[in-house]
Amino acid sequence: MPNPPETPTKMFTASRLTRGNLFFPTRIEVGPERVLRIKPRFFGSSEESIPIFKVASVQIAVGFFWSNIRIDSSGGSNPILSHGHSKRDAIQIRDMIEHYQQNGLKK
């Protein structure tokens, strides 16, 4: 029996040159099912996720070098916050979330 196709997820890593990201940079993973924020620690990591269909908004604040991202949930949970991403990555995160939401509504 053939393996199911891989889910097209993409990982975005914050710059090590930003506050709090020197040794363990924050990563955001966007896939067709969820948005996941992974903050590695010396021992383990902490993760926050929001299902794609529950993402209410994506806000991008572009600075001189880096962008801050805020992903709000329609379920009332805490937003996913991340800083230190490039403007290109921030826009791609927003576009991927919108793409997965639109494709989910068509099914």
N, C-alpha and C. Protein backbone atom coordinates (compact mmCIF):
# COMPACT_ATOMS: atom_id res chain seq x y z
N MET A 1 0.85 -1.18 0.00
CA MET A 1 0.00 0.00 0.00
C MET A 1 0.89 1.24 0.00
N PRO A 2 0.65 2.20 -0.91
CA PRO A 2 1.51 3.39 -0.98
C PRO A 2 1.31 4.30 0.23
N ASN A 3 2.38 5.02 0.55
CA ASN A 3 2.30 5.98 1.65
C ASN A 3 1.43 7.17 1.26
N PRO A 4 0.71 7.76 2.21
CA PRO A 4 -0.07 8.96 1.88
C PRO A 4 0.87 10.11 1.55
N PRO A 5 0.43 11.03 0.71
CA PRO A 5 1.30 12.15 0.34
C PRO A 5 1.64 12.99 1.57
N GLU A 6 2.83 13.54 1.56
CA GLU A 6 3.28 14.40 2.65
C GLU A 6 2.42 15.66 2.70
N THR A 7 2.12 16.12 3.91
CA THR A 7 1.38 17.37 4.03
C THR A 7 2.33 18.51 3.76
N PRO A 8 1.93 19.46 2.95
CA PRO A 8 2.81 20.56 2.58
C PRO A 8 2.93 21.60 3.70
N THR A 9 3.74 21.31 4.70
CA THR A 9 3.97 22.27 5.77
C THR A 9 5.29 22.99 5.51
N LYS A 10 5.40 24.17 6.09
CA LYS A 10 6.63 24.94 5.93
C LYS A 10 7.00 25.52 7.28
N MET A 11 8.29 25.52 7.58
CA MET A 11 8.82 26.02 8.84
C MET A 11 9.52 27.36 8.58
N PHE A 12 9.23 28.33 9.45
CA PHE A 12 9.83 29.65 9.38
C PHE A 12 10.58 29.89 10.69
N THR A 13 11.85 30.23 10.63
CA THR A 13 12.67 30.41 11.81
C THR A 13 13.02 31.89 11.98
N ALA A 14 12.89 32.38 13.22
CA ALA A 14 13.23 33.77 13.52
C ALA A 14 14.75 33.95 13.48
N SER A 15 15.17 35.18 13.28
CA SER A 15 16.59 35.49 13.22
C SER A 15 17.23 35.35 14.60
N ARG A 16 18.44 34.85 14.62
CA ARG A 16 19.19 34.73 15.87
C ARG A 16 19.67 36.10 16.37
N LEU A 17 19.57 37.10 15.54
CA LEU A 17 20.03 38.44 15.93
C LEU A 17 19.00 39.23 16.71
N THR A 18 17.85 38.63 17.01
CA THR A 18 16.78 39.33 17.71
C THR A 18 16.66 38.84 19.15
N ARG A 19 16.04 39.65 19.96
CA ARG A 19 15.88 39.40 21.40
C ARG A 19 15.22 38.04 21.65
N GLY A 20 15.86 37.24 22.50
CA GLY A 20 15.31 35.95 22.88
C GLY A 20 15.51 34.82 21.89
N ASN A 21 16.17 35.09 20.78
CA ASN A 21 16.33 34.07 19.74
C ASN A 21 17.79 33.68 19.47
N LEU A 22 18.72 34.15 20.31
CA LEU A 22 20.14 33.93 20.04
C LEU A 22 20.50 32.44 20.02
N PHE A 23 20.17 31.71 21.08
CA PHE A 23 20.54 30.31 21.16
C PHE A 23 19.44 29.37 20.67
N PHE A 24 18.20 29.75 20.93
CA PHE A 24 17.06 28.91 20.57
C PHE A 24 16.02 29.74 19.83
N PRO A 25 16.18 29.93 18.51
CA PRO A 25 15.23 30.77 17.77
C PRO A 25 13.83 30.16 17.69
N THR A 26 12.84 31.02 17.76
CA THR A 26 11.45 30.62 17.64
C THR A 26 11.16 30.16 16.22
N ARG A 27 10.35 29.11 16.10
CA ARG A 27 9.96 28.61 14.79
C ARG A 27 8.44 28.63 14.68
N ILE A 28 7.95 28.97 13.49
CA ILE A 28 6.52 28.89 13.20
C ILE A 28 6.36 27.91 12.05
N GLU A 29 5.49 26.92 12.27
CA GLU A 29 5.20 25.93 11.25
C GLU A 29 3.77 26.13 10.78
N VAL A 30 3.59 26.28 9.46
CA VAL A 30 2.26 26.48 8.89
C VAL A 30 1.96 25.28 7.99
N GLY A 31 0.82 24.67 8.23
CA GLY A 31 0.39 23.52 7.44
C GLY A 31 -1.09 23.60 7.16
N PRO A 32 -1.62 22.65 6.43
CA PRO A 32 -3.04 22.68 6.08
C PRO A 32 -3.97 22.46 7.27
N GLU A 33 -3.45 21.96 8.39
CA GLU A 33 -4.30 21.69 9.55
C GLU A 33 -4.13 22.68 10.68
N ARG A 34 -2.92 23.23 10.86
CA ARG A 34 -2.69 24.11 12.01
C ARG A 34 -1.50 25.03 11.80
N VAL A 35 -1.45 26.06 12.66
CA VAL A 35 -0.30 26.94 12.78
C VAL A 35 0.32 26.62 14.14
N LEU A 36 1.61 26.35 14.15
CA LEU A 36 2.29 25.91 15.35
C LEU A 36 3.48 26.82 15.64
N ARG A 37 3.57 27.33 16.88
CA ARG A 37 4.73 28.13 17.32
C ARG A 37 5.54 27.25 18.26
N ILE A 38 6.81 27.07 17.93
CA ILE A 38 7.70 26.23 18.73
C ILE A 38 8.81 27.11 19.28
N LYS A 39 8.92 27.14 20.60
CA LYS A 39 9.98 27.89 21.26
C LYS A 39 10.88 26.88 21.97
N PRO A 40 12.04 26.54 21.36
CA PRO A 40 12.95 25.59 22.00
C PRO A 40 13.53 26.17 23.29
N ARG A 41 13.85 25.30 24.20
CA ARG A 41 14.49 25.65 25.46
C ARG A 41 15.69 24.73 25.64
N PHE A 42 16.49 25.01 26.68
CA PHE A 42 17.66 24.19 26.93
C PHE A 42 17.25 22.74 27.12
N PHE A 43 16.17 22.52 27.88
CA PHE A 43 15.62 21.18 28.05
C PHE A 43 14.19 21.19 27.52
N GLY A 44 13.97 20.67 26.34
CA GLY A 44 12.62 20.59 25.77
C GLY A 44 12.24 21.82 24.97
N SER A 45 10.94 22.02 24.85
CA SER A 45 10.41 23.17 24.11
C SER A 45 8.98 23.41 24.55
N SER A 46 8.47 24.60 24.22
CA SER A 46 7.06 24.88 24.44
C SER A 46 6.41 25.11 23.09
N GLU A 47 5.17 24.64 22.95
CA GLU A 47 4.46 24.74 21.68
C GLU A 47 3.07 25.31 21.90
N GLU A 48 2.64 26.15 20.95
CA GLU A 48 1.28 26.67 20.91
C GLU A 48 0.77 26.40 19.51
N SER A 49 -0.49 26.02 19.39
CA SER A 49 -1.04 25.80 18.06
C SER A 49 -2.47 26.32 17.98
N ILE A 50 -2.84 26.68 16.76
CA ILE A 50 -4.20 27.10 16.45
C ILE A 50 -4.60 26.37 15.18
N PRO A 51 -5.74 25.68 15.18
CA PRO A 51 -6.21 25.05 13.94
C PRO A 51 -6.43 26.11 12.85
N ILE A 52 -6.11 25.76 11.63
CA ILE A 52 -6.23 26.71 10.51
C ILE A 52 -7.63 27.31 10.43
N PHE A 53 -8.67 26.50 10.61
CA PHE A 53 -10.02 27.02 10.47
C PHE A 53 -10.43 27.92 11.63
N LYS A 54 -9.61 27.99 12.70
CA LYS A 54 -9.92 28.87 13.82
C LYS A 54 -9.06 30.14 13.84
N VAL A 55 -8.21 30.35 12.84
CA VAL A 55 -7.42 31.57 12.76
C VAL A 55 -8.33 32.71 12.34
N ALA A 56 -8.42 33.74 13.20
CA ALA A 56 -9.30 34.87 12.91
C ALA A 56 -8.57 35.96 12.13
N SER A 57 -7.32 36.24 12.49
CA SER A 57 -6.58 37.29 11.80
C SER A 57 -5.08 37.07 11.97
N VAL A 58 -4.34 37.63 11.03
CA VAL A 58 -2.88 37.63 11.08
C VAL A 58 -2.43 39.07 10.95
N GLN A 59 -1.71 39.55 11.95
CA GLN A 59 -1.21 40.93 11.93
C GLN A 59 0.30 40.90 11.80
N ILE A 60 0.82 41.75 10.93
CA ILE A 60 2.26 41.84 10.71
C ILE A 60 2.67 43.28 10.99
N ALA A 61 3.64 43.46 11.88
CA ALA A 61 4.21 44.78 12.16
C ALA A 61 5.65 44.76 11.63
N VAL A 62 5.89 45.52 10.59
CA VAL A 62 7.20 45.52 9.94
C VAL A 62 8.05 46.62 10.55
N GLY A 63 9.22 46.23 11.04
CA GLY A 63 10.18 47.18 11.58
C GLY A 63 11.25 47.48 10.54
N PHE A 64 12.33 48.11 10.98
CA PHE A 64 13.41 48.46 10.06
C PHE A 64 14.08 47.21 9.51
N PHE A 65 14.33 46.22 10.36
CA PHE A 65 14.95 44.98 9.91
C PHE A 65 14.04 43.76 10.02
N TRP A 66 13.27 43.67 11.11
CA TRP A 66 12.52 42.46 11.41
C TRP A 66 11.04 42.74 11.56
N SER A 67 10.25 41.70 11.46
CA SER A 67 8.80 41.81 11.57
C SER A 67 8.30 41.05 12.80
N ASN A 68 7.22 41.56 13.37
CA ASN A 68 6.51 40.88 14.44
C ASN A 68 5.23 40.32 13.86
N ILE A 69 4.86 39.12 14.30
CA ILE A 69 3.67 38.45 13.79
C ILE A 69 2.75 38.14 14.96
N ARG A 70 1.46 38.40 14.76
CA ARG A 70 0.44 38.06 15.75
C ARG A 70 -0.67 37.32 15.02
N ILE A 71 -0.94 36.10 15.47
CA ILE A 71 -1.98 35.27 14.85
C ILE A 71 -3.06 35.07 15.90
N ASP A 72 -4.24 35.65 15.66
CA ASP A 72 -5.35 35.59 16.60
C ASP A 72 -6.27 34.43 16.28
N SER A 73 -6.85 33.87 17.33
CA SER A 73 -7.77 32.75 17.21
C SER A 73 -9.20 33.23 17.37
N SER A 74 -10.12 32.60 16.64
CA SER A 74 -11.53 32.93 16.81
C SER A 74 -12.11 32.21 18.02
N GLY A 75 -11.37 31.29 18.61
CA GLY A 75 -11.84 30.53 19.76
C GLY A 75 -11.60 31.21 21.09
N GLY A 76 -11.00 32.39 21.09
CA GLY A 76 -10.78 33.13 22.32
C GLY A 76 -9.51 32.75 23.07
N SER A 77 -8.68 31.86 22.52
CA SER A 77 -7.44 31.51 23.19
C SER A 77 -6.39 32.60 22.96
N ASN A 78 -5.28 32.47 23.65
CA ASN A 78 -4.21 33.45 23.50
C ASN A 78 -3.68 33.45 22.07
N PRO A 79 -3.30 34.62 21.56
CA PRO A 79 -2.75 34.67 20.20
C PRO A 79 -1.34 34.08 20.17
N ILE A 80 -0.92 33.69 18.99
CA ILE A 80 0.46 33.27 18.77
C ILE A 80 1.24 34.52 18.42
N LEU A 81 2.28 34.80 19.20
CA LEU A 81 3.12 35.97 18.99
C LEU A 81 4.53 35.51 18.67
N SER A 82 5.16 36.16 17.70
CA SER A 82 6.54 35.85 17.38
C SER A 82 7.20 37.09 16.80
N HIS A 83 8.47 37.28 17.13
CA HIS A 83 9.21 38.42 16.58
C HIS A 83 10.53 37.93 16.01
N GLY A 84 11.10 38.75 15.13
CA GLY A 84 12.40 38.44 14.55
C GLY A 84 12.34 37.73 13.22
N HIS A 85 11.21 37.78 12.54
CA HIS A 85 11.08 37.16 11.22
C HIS A 85 11.32 38.21 10.14
N SER A 86 11.76 37.76 8.99
CA SER A 86 11.92 38.69 7.87
C SER A 86 10.54 39.09 7.35
N LYS A 87 10.50 40.22 6.67
CA LYS A 87 9.23 40.68 6.10
C LYS A 87 8.70 39.66 5.10
N ARG A 88 9.58 39.08 4.31
CA ARG A 88 9.19 38.08 3.32
C ARG A 88 8.56 36.86 3.98
N ASP A 89 9.18 36.38 5.08
CA ASP A 89 8.62 35.23 5.79
C ASP A 89 7.26 35.56 6.40
N ALA A 90 7.14 36.75 6.99
CA ALA A 90 5.88 37.15 7.61
C ALA A 90 4.75 37.18 6.58
N ILE A 91 5.02 37.73 5.42
CA ILE A 91 4.01 37.79 4.37
C ILE A 91 3.68 36.39 3.87
N GLN A 92 4.69 35.53 3.77
CA GLN A 92 4.45 34.17 3.30
C GLN A 92 3.63 33.38 4.33
N ILE A 93 3.86 33.61 5.61
CA ILE A 93 3.05 32.96 6.66
C ILE A 93 1.59 33.36 6.50
N ARG A 94 1.34 34.67 6.36
CA ARG A 94 -0.04 35.15 6.18
C ARG A 94 -0.68 34.57 4.92
N ASP A 95 0.05 34.57 3.83
CA ASP A 95 -0.49 34.06 2.57
C ASP A 95 -0.79 32.56 2.64
N MET A 96 0.06 31.80 3.31
CA MET A 96 -0.18 30.35 3.43
C MET A 96 -1.42 30.07 4.28
N ILE A 97 -1.59 30.84 5.38
CA ILE A 97 -2.77 30.65 6.22
C ILE A 97 -4.03 30.96 5.43
N GLU A 98 -4.03 32.06 4.69
CA GLU A 98 -5.19 32.42 3.88
C GLU A 98 -5.47 31.36 2.81
N HIS A 99 -4.42 30.84 2.20
CA HIS A 99 -4.57 29.81 1.17
C HIS A 99 -5.21 28.55 1.77
N TYR A 100 -4.71 28.10 2.91
CA TYR A 100 -5.26 26.89 3.53
C TYR A 100 -6.69 27.10 4.01
N GLN A 101 -7.00 28.31 4.48
CA GLN A 101 -8.38 28.58 4.90
C GLN A 101 -9.32 28.54 3.70
N GLN A 102 -8.93 29.14 2.59
CA GLN A 102 -9.79 29.13 1.40
C GLN A 102 -9.97 27.73 0.84
N ASN A 103 -8.90 26.93 0.83
CA ASN A 103 -9.01 25.56 0.32
C ASN A 103 -9.83 24.69 1.25
N GLY A 104 -9.80 24.97 2.55
CA GLY A 104 -10.61 24.21 3.50
C GLY A 104 -12.08 24.49 3.35
N LEU A 105 -12.44 25.72 2.96
CA LEU A 105 -13.85 26.07 2.78
C LEU A 105 -14.42 25.44 1.52
N LYS A 106 -13.60 25.16 0.51
CA LYS A 106 -14.08 24.59 -0.75
C LYS A 106 -14.43 23.11 -0.62
N LYS A 107 -13.87 22.45 0.40
CA LYS A 107 -14.11 20.99 0.54
C LYS A 107 -15.48 20.69 1.04
